[in-house]
Structures are given as C-alpha cells and as structure tokens.
Amino acid sequence: MASASARHILVKSEEECNKLKQEIEGGTDFAEAAKQHSQCPSGKDGGSLGEFRPGQMVPEFDTVVFNDEVGKVHGPVKTQFGYHLIEITERND
C-alpha cells in the first residue's frame, strides 16, 4: 500500500499562497514560513503532516501528494479548508 509524507502551509487566499510560494522558491525556509503563516495546527511543526496513506486526506490533497513530483512545492491547491502549498517529502509506491 502506498504511503507518503508531506508538509503544507494553509492560508485563506490564493494570493497569499502564491506570495508564499514565491518567497519559498526565493530561499525562505518552508518550515519557517509554515510556523509564521499556516492556519493549520501543523504549522507549529513546520507544516509536517507525518506519514499517511491514500484516502486519509481530502481528495484534492491526495491527488497532488500521490501523483506529483517529490521534493517540490506544489500549489496553490484549493480545498474546503483554504489554499495549500504542499511539499511532498517522501513517497513509497
């Protein structure tokens, strides 16, 4: 069974999400950005969500984590919670 580890930053607007993505691509530390900006409780852990399997996260999140490139920052990804930047840290297919 596939599993993955990821970290994310959850914000309210697509605009804020894009701005943070640019900052991270420009060298800002993902974990620091998560601590400062994420609306999710995982922010205090640098956005880390630990390890999970398909179906444990909302579908939009799962699609990115189990299909897109590992080690890159993906997003904005819109879910019912807001807008996410997602970094897939590990995936076992």
N, C-alpha and C. Protein backbone atom coordinates (compact mmCIF):
# COMPACT_ATOMS: atom_id res chain seq x y z
N MET A 1 0.85 -1.20 0.00
CA MET A 1 0.00 0.00 0.00
C MET A 1 0.88 1.24 0.00
N ALA A 2 0.54 2.17 -0.86
CA ALA A 2 1.31 3.42 -0.97
C ALA A 2 1.19 4.24 0.31
N SER A 3 2.24 4.99 0.60
CA SER A 3 2.19 5.96 1.69
C SER A 3 3.08 7.13 1.30
N ALA A 4 2.87 8.25 1.98
CA ALA A 4 3.66 9.44 1.69
C ALA A 4 3.80 10.27 2.95
N SER A 5 4.80 11.13 2.94
CA SER A 5 4.97 12.14 3.98
C SER A 5 4.99 13.48 3.27
N ALA A 6 4.36 14.46 3.89
CA ALA A 6 4.32 15.79 3.28
C ALA A 6 4.25 16.84 4.37
N ARG A 7 4.52 18.07 3.96
CA ARG A 7 4.28 19.20 4.83
C ARG A 7 3.53 20.23 4.01
N HIS A 8 2.79 21.08 4.70
CA HIS A 8 1.98 22.04 3.97
C HIS A 8 1.85 23.34 4.74
N ILE A 9 1.42 24.35 4.00
CA ILE A 9 1.08 25.64 4.58
C ILE A 9 -0.34 25.94 4.13
N LEU A 10 -1.21 26.23 5.07
CA LEU A 10 -2.61 26.52 4.77
C LEU A 10 -2.89 27.99 5.03
N VAL A 11 -3.39 28.67 4.00
CA VAL A 11 -3.76 30.08 4.13
C VAL A 11 -5.15 30.30 3.53
N LYS A 12 -5.70 31.49 3.78
CA LYS A 12 -7.08 31.76 3.36
C LYS A 12 -7.23 32.17 1.90
N SER A 13 -6.19 32.81 1.32
CA SER A 13 -6.36 33.32 -0.04
C SER A 13 -5.33 32.75 -1.01
N GLU A 14 -5.74 32.65 -2.26
CA GLU A 14 -4.85 32.19 -3.32
C GLU A 14 -3.69 33.17 -3.49
N GLU A 15 -3.99 34.45 -3.33
CA GLU A 15 -2.97 35.50 -3.45
C GLU A 15 -1.85 35.30 -2.42
N GLU A 16 -2.24 35.06 -1.16
CA GLU A 16 -1.24 34.84 -0.10
C GLU A 16 -0.44 33.57 -0.38
N CYS A 17 -1.13 32.55 -0.87
CA CYS A 17 -0.49 31.27 -1.19
C CYS A 17 0.59 31.47 -2.26
N ASN A 18 0.25 32.21 -3.32
CA ASN A 18 1.21 32.48 -4.39
C ASN A 18 2.40 33.28 -3.89
N LYS A 19 2.14 34.25 -3.02
CA LYS A 19 3.21 35.09 -2.47
C LYS A 19 4.19 34.23 -1.65
N LEU A 20 3.65 33.36 -0.81
CA LEU A 20 4.50 32.48 0.00
C LEU A 20 5.30 31.51 -0.88
N LYS A 21 4.66 31.02 -1.94
CA LYS A 21 5.36 30.10 -2.84
C LYS A 21 6.56 30.81 -3.46
N GLN A 22 6.39 32.05 -3.88
CA GLN A 22 7.49 32.82 -4.46
C GLN A 22 8.61 33.02 -3.43
N GLU A 23 8.23 33.31 -2.20
CA GLU A 23 9.23 33.51 -1.14
C GLU A 23 10.03 32.23 -0.89
N ILE A 24 9.33 31.09 -0.85
CA ILE A 24 10.00 29.80 -0.61
C ILE A 24 10.92 29.47 -1.79
N GLU A 25 10.43 29.69 -3.00
CA GLU A 25 11.27 29.43 -4.18
C GLU A 25 12.47 30.38 -4.19
N GLY A 26 12.34 31.54 -3.53
CA GLY A 26 13.43 32.50 -3.45
C GLY A 26 14.38 32.25 -2.29
N GLY A 27 14.13 31.20 -1.51
CA GLY A 27 15.07 30.83 -0.46
C GLY A 27 14.52 30.83 0.96
N THR A 28 13.29 31.32 1.17
CA THR A 28 12.69 31.28 2.50
C THR A 28 12.50 29.82 2.91
N ASP A 29 12.80 29.49 4.15
CA ASP A 29 12.65 28.13 4.66
C ASP A 29 11.17 27.76 4.78
N PHE A 30 10.81 26.61 4.21
CA PHE A 30 9.41 26.16 4.21
C PHE A 30 8.86 26.07 5.63
N ALA A 31 9.63 25.45 6.52
CA ALA A 31 9.17 25.25 7.90
C ALA A 31 8.94 26.59 8.61
N GLU A 32 9.83 27.54 8.38
CA GLU A 32 9.67 28.86 8.99
C GLU A 32 8.42 29.56 8.46
N ALA A 33 8.20 29.46 7.15
CA ALA A 33 7.01 30.06 6.54
C ALA A 33 5.75 29.42 7.11
N ALA A 34 5.79 28.11 7.32
CA ALA A 34 4.64 27.40 7.89
C ALA A 34 4.36 27.89 9.31
N LYS A 35 5.42 28.03 10.11
CA LYS A 35 5.26 28.49 11.50
C LYS A 35 4.64 29.88 11.55
N GLN A 36 5.03 30.74 10.63
CA GLN A 36 4.56 32.12 10.65
C GLN A 36 3.19 32.32 10.02
N HIS A 37 2.85 31.52 9.00
CA HIS A 37 1.66 31.83 8.20
C HIS A 37 0.56 30.77 8.19
N SER A 38 0.89 29.51 8.46
CA SER A 38 -0.11 28.45 8.29
C SER A 38 -1.25 28.57 9.29
N GLN A 39 -2.48 28.37 8.80
CA GLN A 39 -3.68 28.36 9.63
C GLN A 39 -3.92 26.98 10.25
N CYS A 40 -3.11 26.01 9.84
CA CYS A 40 -3.28 24.64 10.32
C CYS A 40 -2.44 24.43 11.58
N PRO A 41 -2.94 23.65 12.54
CA PRO A 41 -2.14 23.35 13.74
C PRO A 41 -0.77 22.76 13.41
N SER A 42 -0.64 22.11 12.25
CA SER A 42 0.65 21.54 11.85
C SER A 42 1.71 22.62 11.63
N GLY A 43 1.29 23.87 11.50
CA GLY A 43 2.23 24.97 11.28
C GLY A 43 3.31 25.03 12.33
N LYS A 44 2.94 24.77 13.58
CA LYS A 44 3.93 24.84 14.66
C LYS A 44 5.00 23.75 14.53
N ASP A 45 4.70 22.70 13.76
CA ASP A 45 5.68 21.65 13.47
C ASP A 45 6.30 21.85 12.09
N GLY A 46 6.30 23.08 11.61
CA GLY A 46 6.88 23.36 10.29
C GLY A 46 6.01 22.88 9.15
N GLY A 47 4.74 22.61 9.45
CA GLY A 47 3.81 22.16 8.41
C GLY A 47 3.78 20.66 8.21
N SER A 48 4.57 19.93 9.00
CA SER A 48 4.67 18.49 8.82
C SER A 48 3.36 17.77 9.14
N LEU A 49 2.95 16.89 8.22
CA LEU A 49 1.73 16.10 8.41
C LEU A 49 2.07 14.64 8.72
N GLY A 50 3.36 14.33 8.78
CA GLY A 50 3.76 12.95 9.04
C GLY A 50 3.46 12.06 7.85
N GLU A 51 3.34 10.77 8.13
CA GLU A 51 3.10 9.78 7.07
C GLU A 51 1.61 9.46 7.01
N PHE A 52 1.10 9.30 5.79
CA PHE A 52 -0.31 8.95 5.63
C PHE A 52 -0.50 8.14 4.35
N ARG A 53 -1.67 7.56 4.22
CA ARG A 53 -1.99 6.71 3.07
C ARG A 53 -3.07 7.37 2.22
N PRO A 54 -3.23 6.91 0.98
CA PRO A 54 -4.29 7.46 0.14
C PRO A 54 -5.65 7.36 0.85
N GLY A 55 -6.44 8.41 0.76
CA GLY A 55 -7.77 8.41 1.37
C GLY A 55 -7.82 9.04 2.75
N GLN A 56 -6.66 9.32 3.35
CA GLN A 56 -6.66 9.92 4.69
C GLN A 56 -6.77 11.44 4.63
N MET A 57 -6.45 12.03 3.49
CA MET A 57 -6.55 13.48 3.31
C MET A 57 -7.68 13.77 2.32
N VAL A 58 -8.07 15.03 2.22
CA VAL A 58 -9.12 15.38 1.25
C VAL A 58 -8.62 15.05 -0.16
N PRO A 59 -9.56 14.74 -1.09
CA PRO A 59 -9.18 14.28 -2.43
C PRO A 59 -8.21 15.20 -3.17
N GLU A 60 -8.41 16.51 -3.09
CA GLU A 60 -7.53 17.44 -3.82
C GLU A 60 -6.09 17.32 -3.33
N PHE A 61 -5.94 17.10 -2.04
CA PHE A 61 -4.63 16.96 -1.40
C PHE A 61 -3.99 15.64 -1.84
N ASP A 62 -4.77 14.56 -1.74
CA ASP A 62 -4.30 13.23 -2.14
C ASP A 62 -3.78 13.21 -3.57
N THR A 63 -4.52 13.84 -4.47
CA THR A 63 -4.16 13.84 -5.89
C THR A 63 -2.76 14.38 -6.08
N VAL A 64 -2.46 15.48 -5.42
CA VAL A 64 -1.12 16.09 -5.54
C VAL A 64 -0.07 15.18 -4.91
N VAL A 65 -0.32 14.76 -3.67
CA VAL A 65 0.70 14.03 -2.91
C VAL A 65 1.05 12.68 -3.54
N PHE A 66 0.07 12.02 -4.16
CA PHE A 66 0.35 10.69 -4.70
C PHE A 66 0.62 10.68 -6.21
N ASN A 67 0.67 11.87 -6.84
CA ASN A 67 0.93 11.92 -8.28
C ASN A 67 2.03 12.88 -8.69
N ASP A 68 2.26 13.93 -7.93
CA ASP A 68 3.20 14.96 -8.37
C ASP A 68 4.61 14.71 -7.85
N GLU A 69 5.54 15.54 -8.30
CA GLU A 69 6.96 15.34 -8.03
C GLU A 69 7.31 15.53 -6.55
N VAL A 70 8.10 14.59 -6.02
CA VAL A 70 8.58 14.65 -4.63
C VAL A 70 9.66 15.72 -4.52
N GLY A 71 9.65 16.46 -3.40
CA GLY A 71 10.69 17.43 -3.14
C GLY A 71 10.43 18.81 -3.72
N LYS A 72 9.31 18.99 -4.40
CA LYS A 72 8.95 20.29 -4.97
C LYS A 72 7.78 20.87 -4.19
N VAL A 73 7.63 22.18 -4.25
CA VAL A 73 6.49 22.83 -3.60
C VAL A 73 5.38 22.99 -4.63
N HIS A 74 4.23 22.39 -4.35
CA HIS A 74 3.08 22.41 -5.26
C HIS A 74 2.00 23.32 -4.71
N GLY A 75 1.28 23.95 -5.60
CA GLY A 75 0.16 24.77 -5.16
C GLY A 75 0.13 26.09 -5.89
N PRO A 76 -0.86 26.91 -5.60
CA PRO A 76 -1.91 26.70 -4.60
C PRO A 76 -2.84 25.54 -4.95
N VAL A 77 -3.19 24.76 -3.94
CA VAL A 77 -4.15 23.67 -4.06
C VAL A 77 -5.35 24.07 -3.20
N LYS A 78 -6.51 24.24 -3.84
CA LYS A 78 -7.70 24.68 -3.11
C LYS A 78 -8.46 23.48 -2.56
N THR A 79 -8.79 23.54 -1.27
CA THR A 79 -9.65 22.54 -0.64
C THR A 79 -10.72 23.29 0.14
N GLN A 80 -11.57 22.53 0.83
CA GLN A 80 -12.61 23.17 1.66
C GLN A 80 -12.02 23.99 2.80
N PHE A 81 -10.75 23.76 3.12
CA PHE A 81 -10.09 24.44 4.24
C PHE A 81 -9.45 25.76 3.84
N GLY A 82 -9.14 25.92 2.55
CA GLY A 82 -8.46 27.11 2.07
C GLY A 82 -7.50 26.74 0.97
N TYR A 83 -6.36 27.43 0.94
CA TYR A 83 -5.35 27.21 -0.11
C TYR A 83 -4.07 26.67 0.52
N HIS A 84 -3.56 25.62 -0.09
CA HIS A 84 -2.39 24.94 0.46
C HIS A 84 -1.19 25.05 -0.47
N LEU A 85 -0.01 25.17 0.13
CA LEU A 85 1.24 24.84 -0.54
C LEU A 85 1.61 23.49 0.03
N ILE A 86 1.96 22.57 -0.83
CA ILE A 86 2.26 21.20 -0.40
C ILE A 86 3.66 20.83 -0.87
N GLU A 87 4.46 20.34 0.06
CA GLU A 87 5.76 19.78 -0.32
C GLU A 87 5.74 18.31 0.06
N ILE A 88 5.90 17.45 -0.95
CA ILE A 88 5.93 16.00 -0.71
C ILE A 88 7.36 15.67 -0.30
N THR A 89 7.54 15.20 0.92
CA THR A 89 8.89 14.94 1.40
C THR A 89 9.33 13.51 1.13
N GLU A 90 8.38 12.58 1.00
CA GLU A 90 8.72 11.19 0.76
C GLU A 90 7.48 10.48 0.23
N ARG A 91 7.71 9.51 -0.66
CA ARG A 91 6.57 8.69 -1.12
C ARG A 91 7.05 7.29 -1.42
N ASN A 92 6.30 6.31 -0.95
CA ASN A 92 6.58 4.90 -1.20
C ASN A 92 5.39 4.33 -1.98
N ASP A 93 5.65 3.93 -3.22
CA ASP A 93 4.51 3.49 -4.06
C ASP A 93 4.20 2.04 -3.89
